[in-house]
C-alpha atoms as a PDB file:
ATOM      1  CA  MET A   1      96.929-133.416  -0.487  1.00  0.00           C
ATOM      2  CA  SER A   2      93.797-131.340  -0.186  1.00  0.00           C
ATOM      3  CA  GLY A   3      91.020-132.573  -2.417  1.00  0.00           C
ATOM      4  CA  GLU A   4      90.543-129.232  -4.141  1.00  0.00           C
ATOM      5  CA  GLN A   5      94.227-128.760  -4.964  1.00  0.00           C
ATOM      6  CA  LYS A   6      94.579-132.398  -6.059  1.00  0.00           C
ATOM      7  CA  THR A   7      91.664-131.968  -8.444  1.00  0.00           C
ATOM      8  CA  LYS A   8      93.077-128.704  -9.761  1.00  0.00           C
ATOM      9  CA  ALA A   9      96.489-130.294 -10.359  1.00  0.00           C
ATOM     10  CA  LYS A  10      94.972-133.281 -12.155  1.00  0.00           C
ATOM     11  CA  GLY A  11      92.792-130.958 -14.235  1.00  0.00           C
ATOM     12  CA  GLU A  12      95.831-128.969 -15.343  1.00  0.00           C
ATOM     13  CA  GLN A  13      97.659-132.170 -16.257  1.00  0.00           C
ATOM     14  CA  VAL A  14      94.748-133.499 -18.315  1.00  0.00           C
ATOM     15  CA  LYS A  15      94.055-130.163 -19.995  1.00  0.00           C
ATOM     16  CA  GLY A  16      97.743-129.863 -20.859  1.00  0.00           C
ATOM     17  CA  LYS A  17      97.852-133.357 -22.329  1.00  0.00           C
ATOM     18  CA  ILE A  18      94.826-132.587 -24.505  1.00  0.00           C
ATOM     19  CA  LYS A  19      96.417-129.360 -25.747  1.00  0.00           C
ATOM     20  CA  GLU A  20      99.718-131.090 -26.430  1.00  0.00           C
ATOM     21  CA  THR A  21      98.014-133.869 -28.389  1.00  0.00           C
ATOM     22  CA  ALA A  22      95.853-131.419 -30.356  1.00  0.00           C
ATOM     23  CA  GLY A  23      98.934-129.344 -31.180  1.00  0.00           C
ATOM     24  CA  ARG A  24     100.831-132.410 -32.324  1.00  0.00           C
ATOM     25  CA  MET A  25      97.935-133.587 -34.504  1.00  0.00           C
ATOM     26  CA  THR A  26      97.446-130.197 -36.154  1.00  0.00           C
ATOM     27  CA  GLY A  27     101.129-129.333 -36.411  1.00  0.00           C
ATOM     28  CA  ASP A  28     100.680-126.333 -34.092  1.00  0.00           C
ATOM     29  CA  GLU A  29     103.963-126.180 -32.178  1.00  0.00           C
ATOM     30  CA  HIS A  30     102.758-123.288 -30.025  1.00  0.00           C
ATOM     31  CA  LEU A  31      99.725-125.241 -28.798  1.00  0.00           C
ATOM     32  CA  GLU A  32     101.886-128.301 -28.201  1.00  0.00           C
ATOM     33  CA  ALA A  33     104.343-126.280 -26.105  1.00  0.00           C
ATOM     34  CA  GLU A  34     101.493-124.628 -24.217  1.00  0.00           C
ATOM     35  CA  GLY A  35     100.122-128.067 -23.386  1.00  0.00           C
ATOM     36  CA  ARG A  36     103.489-129.278 -22.107  1.00  0.00           C
ATOM     37  CA  ALA A  37     103.798-126.151 -19.949  1.00  0.00           C
ATOM     38  CA  GLU A  38     100.345-126.694 -18.489  1.00  0.00           C
ATOM     39  CA  GLN A  39     101.185-130.315 -17.659  1.00  0.00           C
ATOM     40  CA  THR A  40     104.356-129.154 -15.915  1.00  0.00           C
ATOM     41  CA  LYS A  41     102.340-126.631 -13.917  1.00  0.00           C
ATOM     42  CA  GLY A  42      99.992-129.419 -12.801  1.00  0.00           C
ATOM     43  CA  ASP A  43     102.933-131.659 -11.905  1.00  0.00           C
ATOM     44  CA  ALA A  44     104.472-128.866  -9.823  1.00  0.00           C
ATOM     45  CA  ARG A  45     101.192-128.217  -8.012  1.00  0.00           C
ATOM     46  CA  ALA A  46     100.829-131.917  -7.208  1.00  0.00           C
ATOM     47  CA  ALA A  47     104.423-132.123  -5.949  1.00  0.00           C
ATOM     48  CA  LYS A  48     103.884-129.057  -3.742  1.00  0.00           C
ATOM     49  CA  GLU A  49     100.785-130.581  -2.185  1.00  0.00           C
ATOM     50  CA  LYS A  50     102.519-133.922  -1.595  1.00  0.00           C
ATOM     51  CA  THR A  51     105.399-132.104   0.121  1.00  0.00           C
ATOM     52  CA  LYS A  52     102.939-130.233   2.335  1.00  0.00           C
ATOM     53  CA  ASP A  53     101.314-133.553   3.279  1.00  0.00           C
ATOM     54  CA  VAL A  54     104.658-135.076   4.253  1.00  0.00           C
ATOM     55  CA  PHE A  55     105.397-132.261   6.715  1.00  0.00           C
ATOM     56  CA  LYS A  56     101.819-132.186   7.953  1.00  0.00           C
ATOM     57  CA  HIS A  57     102.002-135.736   9.375  1.00  0.00           C
END
């Protein structure tokens, strides 16, 4: 996985987890859902990069 894309994916996952936790703590369901969506986006980006690495080697 390229370093830049790996960092971006991890950043999205962390940012999403923070949003989800903040939403849960404040009772903001919209923020919680937004956080889960952002985590999923980061997971998808990481999976895409791992797949590219498999076919690269």
